[in-house]
PDB file of N, CA and C in Angstrom:
ATOM      1  N   MET A   1       0.919  -1.280  -0.026  1.00  0.00           N
ATOM      2  CA  MET A   1       0.074  -0.050   0.080  1.00  0.00           C
ATOM      3  C   MET A   1       0.977   1.173   0.043  1.00  0.00           C
ATOM      4  N   ALA A   2       0.276   2.252  -0.378  1.00  0.00           N
ATOM      5  CA  ALA A   2       1.134   3.467  -0.577  1.00  0.00           C
ATOM      6  C   ALA A   2       0.199   4.643  -0.178  1.00  0.00           C
ATOM      7  N   LEU A   3       0.746   5.765   0.405  1.00  0.00           N
ATOM      8  CA  LEU A   3      -0.258   6.892   0.913  1.00  0.00           C
ATOM      9  C   LEU A   3       0.563   8.364   0.085  1.00  0.00           C
ATOM     10  N   TYR A   4      -0.421   8.749  -0.711  1.00  0.00           N
ATOM     11  CA  TYR A   4      -0.238   9.897  -1.605  1.00  0.00           C
ATOM     12  C   TYR A   4      -0.843  10.766  -1.823  1.00  0.00           C
ATOM     13  N   LYS A   5      -0.451  12.190  -2.542  1.00  0.00           N
ATOM     14  CA  LYS A   5      -1.586  13.048  -2.742  1.00  0.00           C
ATOM     15  C   LYS A   5      -1.564  13.345  -4.213  1.00  0.00           C
ATOM     16  N   GLN A   6      -2.897  13.233  -4.601  1.00  0.00           N
ATOM     17  CA  GLN A   6      -3.248  13.397  -6.098  1.00  0.00           C
ATOM     18  C   GLN A   6      -3.066  14.868  -6.379  1.00  0.00           C
ATOM     19  N   HIS A   7      -2.750  15.436  -7.616  1.00  0.00           N
ATOM     20  CA  HIS A   7      -2.526  16.717  -8.285  1.00  0.00           C
ATOM     21  C   HIS A   7      -3.824  17.119  -7.949  1.00  0.00           C
ATOM     22  N   GLY A   8      -4.151  18.495  -7.177  1.00  0.00           N
ATOM     23  CA  GLY A   8      -5.244  19.038  -7.221  1.00  0.00           C
ATOM     24  C   GLY A   8      -6.041  18.685  -6.200  1.00  0.00           C
ATOM     25  N   SER A   9      -5.851  17.560  -5.244  1.00  0.00           N
ATOM     26  CA  SER A   9      -6.732  17.042  -4.160  1.00  0.00           C
ATOM     27  C   SER A   9      -6.024  17.604  -2.808  1.00  0.00           C
ATOM     28  N   GLN A  10      -7.009  17.961  -1.885  1.00  0.00           N
ATOM     29  CA  GLN A  10      -6.272  17.910  -0.485  1.00  0.00           C
ATOM     30  C   GLN A  10      -6.043  17.060   0.193  1.00  0.00           C
ATOM     31  N   ASN A  11      -6.904  15.936  -0.060  1.00  0.00           N
ATOM     32  CA  ASN A  11      -6.975  14.286   0.503  1.00  0.00           C
ATOM     33  C   ASN A  11      -5.943  13.814   0.297  1.00  0.00           C
ATOM     34  N   TRP A  12      -5.437  12.713   1.224  1.00  0.00           N
ATOM     35  CA  TRP A  12      -4.492  11.700   0.886  1.00  0.00           C
ATOM     36  C   TRP A  12      -5.260  10.602   0.268  1.00  0.00           C
ATOM     37  N   TRP A  13      -4.577   9.930  -0.490  1.00  0.00           N
ATOM     38  CA  TRP A  13      -5.113   8.706  -1.279  1.00  0.00           C
ATOM     39  C   TRP A  13      -4.195   7.532  -0.987  1.00  0.00           C
ATOM     40  N   ILE A  14      -4.998   6.312  -0.952  1.00  0.00           N
ATOM     41  CA  ILE A  14      -4.172   5.305  -0.468  1.00  0.00           C
ATOM     42  C   ILE A  14      -4.426   4.378  -1.852  1.00  0.00           C
ATOM     43  N   SER A  15      -3.424   3.481  -1.893  1.00  0.00           N
ATOM     44  CA  SER A  15      -3.283   2.669  -3.119  1.00  0.00           C
ATOM     45  C   SER A  15      -2.912   1.378  -2.762  1.00  0.00           C
ATOM     46  N   ILE A  16      -3.838   0.345  -3.306  1.00  0.00           N
ATOM     47  CA  ILE A  16      -4.056  -0.709  -2.629  1.00  0.00           C
ATOM     48  C   ILE A  16      -3.995  -1.662  -4.126  1.00  0.00           C
ATOM     49  N   TYR A  17      -2.908  -2.860  -3.594  1.00  0.00           N
ATOM     50  CA  TYR A  17      -3.078  -4.358  -4.772  1.00  0.00           C
ATOM     51  C   TYR A  17      -3.731  -5.105  -3.844  1.00  0.00           C
ATOM     52  N   ARG A  18      -4.761  -5.582  -4.563  1.00  0.00           N
ATOM     53  CA  ARG A  18      -5.680  -6.806  -3.879  1.00  0.00           C
ATOM     54  C   ARG A  18      -5.939  -7.681  -5.078  1.00  0.00           C
ATOM     55  N   GLY A  19      -6.217  -9.031  -4.449  1.00  0.00           N
ATOM     56  CA  GLY A  19      -7.083  -9.907  -5.196  1.00  0.00           C
ATOM     57  C   GLY A  19      -6.069 -10.931  -5.773  1.00  0.00           C
ATOM     58  N   ARG A  20      -6.564 -11.949  -6.567  1.00  0.00           N
ATOM     59  CA  ARG A  20      -5.323 -12.849  -6.991  1.00  0.00           C
ATOM     60  C   ARG A  20      -4.731 -12.119  -8.086  1.00  0.00           C
ATOM     61  N   ASN A  21      -5.344 -11.442  -9.052  1.00  0.00           N
ATOM     62  CA  ASN A  21      -4.482 -10.796 -10.186  1.00  0.00           C
ATOM     63  C   ASN A  21      -3.679  -9.405  -9.640  1.00  0.00           C
ATOM     64  N   TYR A  22      -3.831  -8.918  -8.417  1.00  0.00           N
ATOM     65  CA  TYR A  22      -3.287  -7.993  -7.761  1.00  0.00           C
ATOM     66  C   TYR A  22      -3.885  -6.696  -8.367  1.00  0.00           C
ATOM     67  N   LYS A  23      -5.092  -6.600  -8.662  1.00  0.00           N
ATOM     68  CA  LYS A  23      -5.626  -5.288  -9.192  1.00  0.00           C
ATOM     69  C   LYS A  23      -5.392  -4.247  -8.406  1.00  0.00           C
ATOM     70  N   ARG A  24      -5.288  -2.935  -8.855  1.00  0.00           N
ATOM     71  CA  ARG A  24      -4.791  -1.785  -8.092  1.00  0.00           C
ATOM     72  C   ARG A  24      -5.988  -1.096  -8.003  1.00  0.00           C
ATOM     73  N   LEU A  25      -6.147  -0.619  -6.710  1.00  0.00           N
ATOM     74  CA  LEU A  25      -7.466   0.315  -6.254  1.00  0.00           C
ATOM     75  C   LEU A  25      -6.744   1.340  -5.809  1.00  0.00           C
ATOM     76  N   ARG A  26      -7.436   2.549  -5.798  1.00  0.00           N
ATOM     77  CA  ARG A  26      -6.847   4.024  -5.118  1.00  0.00           C
ATOM     78  C   ARG A  26      -8.290   4.400  -4.610  1.00  0.00           C
ATOM     79  N   ILE A  27      -8.045   4.673  -3.398  1.00  0.00           N
ATOM     80  CA  ILE A  27      -9.052   5.066  -2.521  1.00  0.00           C
ATOM     81  C   ILE A  27      -8.684   6.385  -1.757  1.00  0.00           C
ATOM     82  N   SER A  28      -9.708   7.141  -1.701  1.00  0.00           N
ATOM     83  CA  SER A  28      -9.588   8.564  -1.002  1.00  0.00           C
ATOM     84  C   SER A  28      -9.600   8.102   0.312  1.00  0.00           C
ATOM     85  N   SER A  29      -8.878   8.864   1.258  1.00  0.00           N
ATOM     86  CA  SER A  29      -8.853   8.811   2.573  1.00  0.00           C
ATOM     87  C   SER A  29      -9.918   9.450   3.114  1.00  0.00           C
ATOM     88  N   GLY A  30     -10.340  10.501   2.396  1.00  0.00           N
ATOM     89  CA  GLY A  30     -11.444  11.477   3.019  1.00  0.00           C
ATOM     90  C   GLY A  30     -10.725  12.388   3.764  1.00  0.00           C
ATOM     91  N   THR A  31      -9.439  12.665   4.197  1.00  0.00           N
ATOM     92  CA  THR A  31      -8.727  13.788   4.954  1.00  0.00           C
ATOM     93  C   THR A  31      -7.694  14.198   4.540  1.00  0.00           C
ATOM     94  N   SER A  32      -7.356  15.597   4.734  1.00  0.00           N
ATOM     95  CA  SER A  32      -5.930  16.099   4.492  1.00  0.00           C
ATOM     96  C   SER A  32      -5.042  16.022   5.683  1.00  0.00           C
ATOM     97  N   ASP A  33      -5.395  15.503   6.856  1.00  0.00           N
ATOM     98  CA  ASP A  33      -4.586  15.107   7.812  1.00  0.00           C
ATOM     99  C   ASP A  33      -3.693  13.582   7.618  1.00  0.00           C
ATOM    100  N   ARG A  34      -2.577  13.852   7.374  1.00  0.00           N
ATOM    101  CA  ARG A  34      -1.405  12.699   7.124  1.00  0.00           C
ATOM    102  C   ARG A  34      -1.656  11.625   8.185  1.00  0.00           C
ATOM    103  N   GLU A  35      -1.762  11.889   9.529  1.00  0.00           N
ATOM    104  CA  GLU A  35      -1.776  10.844  10.440  1.00  0.00           C
ATOM    105  C   GLU A  35      -3.160  10.112  10.339  1.00  0.00           C
ATOM    106  N   GLN A  36      -4.126  10.769  10.150  1.00  0.00           N
ATOM    107  CA  GLN A  36      -5.314  10.282   9.909  1.00  0.00           C
ATOM    108  C   GLN A  36      -5.415   9.360   8.844  1.00  0.00           C
ATOM    109  N   ALA A  37      -4.985   9.733   7.937  1.00  0.00           N
ATOM    110  CA  ALA A  37      -4.811   8.999   6.737  1.00  0.00           C
ATOM    111  C   ALA A  37      -3.958   7.708   6.930  1.00  0.00           C
ATOM    112  N   ARG A  38      -2.799   7.481   7.595  1.00  0.00           N
ATOM    113  CA  ARG A  38      -2.074   6.627   8.045  1.00  0.00           C
ATOM    114  C   ARG A  38      -2.782   5.404   8.893  1.00  0.00           C
ATOM    115  N   ALA A  39      -3.542   6.098   9.623  1.00  0.00           N
ATOM    116  CA  ALA A  39      -4.516   5.334  10.448  1.00  0.00           C
ATOM    117  C   ALA A  39      -5.332   4.485   9.544  1.00  0.00           C
ATOM    118  N   ILE A  40      -5.854   5.216   8.623  1.00  0.00           N
ATOM    119  CA  ILE A  40      -7.041   4.596   7.884  1.00  0.00           C
ATOM    120  C   ILE A  40      -6.157   3.519   6.943  1.00  0.00           C
ATOM    121  N   GLU A  41      -5.086   3.655   6.528  1.00  0.00           N
ATOM    122  CA  GLU A  41      -4.432   2.779   5.674  1.00  0.00           C
ATOM    123  C   GLU A  41      -3.843   1.651   6.692  1.00  0.00           C
ATOM    124  N   ALA A  42      -3.614   2.030   7.767  1.00  0.00           N
ATOM    125  CA  ALA A  42      -3.378   0.710   8.633  1.00  0.00           C
ATOM    126  C   ALA A  42      -4.389  -0.414   8.814  1.00  0.00           C
ATOM    127  N   SER A  43      -5.498   0.428   9.240  1.00  0.00           N
ATOM    128  CA  SER A  43      -6.588  -0.383   9.268  1.00  0.00           C
ATOM    129  C   SER A  43      -7.332  -1.142   7.977  1.00  0.00           C
ATOM    130  N   LEU A  44      -6.658  -0.540   6.855  1.00  0.00           N
ATOM    131  CA  LEU A  44      -7.040  -1.391   5.432  1.00  0.00           C
ATOM    132  C   LEU A  44      -6.205  -2.391   5.281  1.00  0.00           C
ATOM    133  N   ARG A  45      -4.699  -2.075   5.832  1.00  0.00           N
ATOM    134  CA  ARG A  45      -3.964  -3.148   5.713  1.00  0.00           C
ATOM    135  C   ARG A  45      -4.214  -4.400   6.536  1.00  0.00           C
ATOM    136  N   ARG A  46      -4.571  -4.054   7.938  1.00  0.00           N
ATOM    137  CA  ARG A  46      -4.876  -5.182   8.764  1.00  0.00           C
ATOM    138  C   ARG A  46      -6.014  -5.841   8.285  1.00  0.00           C
ATOM    139  N   ALA A  47      -6.870  -5.332   7.565  1.00  0.00           N
ATOM    140  CA  ALA A  47      -8.420  -5.842   7.064  1.00  0.00           C
ATOM    141  C   ALA A  47      -7.637  -6.675   5.850  1.00  0.00           C
ATOM    142  N   GLN A  48      -6.892  -6.324   5.001  1.00  0.00           N
ATOM    143  CA  GLN A  48      -6.261  -6.992   3.881  1.00  0.00           C
ATOM    144  C   GLN A  48      -5.736  -8.211   4.083  1.00  0.00           C
ATOM    145  N   ASN A  49      -4.959  -8.288   5.599  1.00  0.00           N
ATOM    146  CA  ASN A  49      -4.125  -9.553   5.744  1.00  0.00           C
ATOM    147  C   ASN A  49      -4.834 -10.296   6.758  1.00  0.00           C
ATOM    148  N   ASN A  50      -6.196 -10.085   7.053  1.00  0.00           N
ATOM    149  CA  ASN A  50      -6.978 -11.108   7.929  1.00  0.00           C
ATOM    150  C   ASN A  50      -7.302 -12.221   6.942  1.00  0.00           C
ATOM    151  N   PRO A  51      -7.045 -13.584   7.457  1.00  0.00           N
ATOM    152  CA  PRO A  51      -7.293 -14.594   6.633  1.00  0.00           C
ATOM    153  C   PRO A  51      -8.900 -14.652   6.315  1.00  0.00           C
ATOM    154  N   GLY A  52      -9.637 -13.955   7.366  1.00  0.00           N
ATOM    155  CA  GLY A  52     -11.111 -14.159   7.158  1.00  0.00           C
ATOM    156  C   GLY A  52     -11.643 -13.232   6.082  1.00  0.00           C
ATOM    157  N   ASN A  53     -10.620 -12.246   5.657  1.00  0.00           N
ATOM    158  CA  ASN A  53     -11.265 -11.779   4.394  1.00  0.00           C
ATOM    159  C   ASN A  53     -10.829 -12.144   3.083  1.00  0.00           C
ATOM    160  N   ALA A  54     -10.324 -13.457   3.004  1.00  0.00           N
ATOM    161  CA  ALA A  54      -9.388 -13.885   2.033  1.00  0.00           C
ATOM    162  C   ALA A  54     -10.497 -14.197   0.910  1.00  0.00           C
ATOM    163  N   GLU A  55     -10.261 -14.139  -0.559  1.00  0.00           N
ATOM    164  CA  GLU A  55     -11.366 -14.203  -1.589  1.00  0.00           C
ATOM    165  C   GLU A  55     -11.347 -15.703  -1.608  1.00  0.00           C
ATOM    166  N   PRO A  56     -12.593 -16.338  -1.919  1.00  0.00           N
ATOM    167  CA  PRO A  56     -12.918 -17.666  -1.865  1.00  0.00           C
ATOM    168  C   PRO A  56     -12.171 -18.435  -3.055  1.00  0.00           C
ATOM    169  N   LYS A  57     -11.839 -19.630  -2.993  1.00  0.00           N
ATOM    170  CA  LYS A  57     -11.169 -20.309  -3.934  1.00  0.00           C
ATOM    171  C   LYS A  57     -12.063 -20.911  -5.344  1.00  0.00           C
ATOM    172  N   ARG A  58     -11.936 -20.526  -6.410  1.00  0.00           N
ATOM    173  CA  ARG A  58     -12.666 -21.146  -7.598  1.00  0.00           C
ATOM    174  C   ARG A  58     -12.315 -22.503  -7.992  1.00  0.00           C
ATOM    175  N   ASN A  59     -13.473 -23.145  -8.169  1.00  0.00           N
ATOM    176  CA  ASN A  59     -13.100 -24.486  -8.643  1.00  0.00           C
ATOM    177  C   ASN A  59     -13.239 -24.626 -10.012  1.00  0.00           C
ATOM    178  N   TYR A  60     -13.131 -23.750 -11.019  1.00  0.00           N
ATOM    179  CA  TYR A  60     -13.239 -23.626 -12.321  1.00  0.00           C
ATOM    180  C   TYR A  60     -12.399 -23.427 -12.842  1.00  0.00           C
TER     181      TYR A  60
END
């Protein structure tokens, strides 16, 4: 994951690679405060690493 600012935006953005194909998602943190954005990023990282949130395996 990466924390960055997009051109023209006051909010911090979070870049996440997830899924089996490592699809890139870009999510706004909704805040201009870097520390709050880091906390949001950390919670997303915990959720992503939680085995209970793993994508189901497909049998086809």
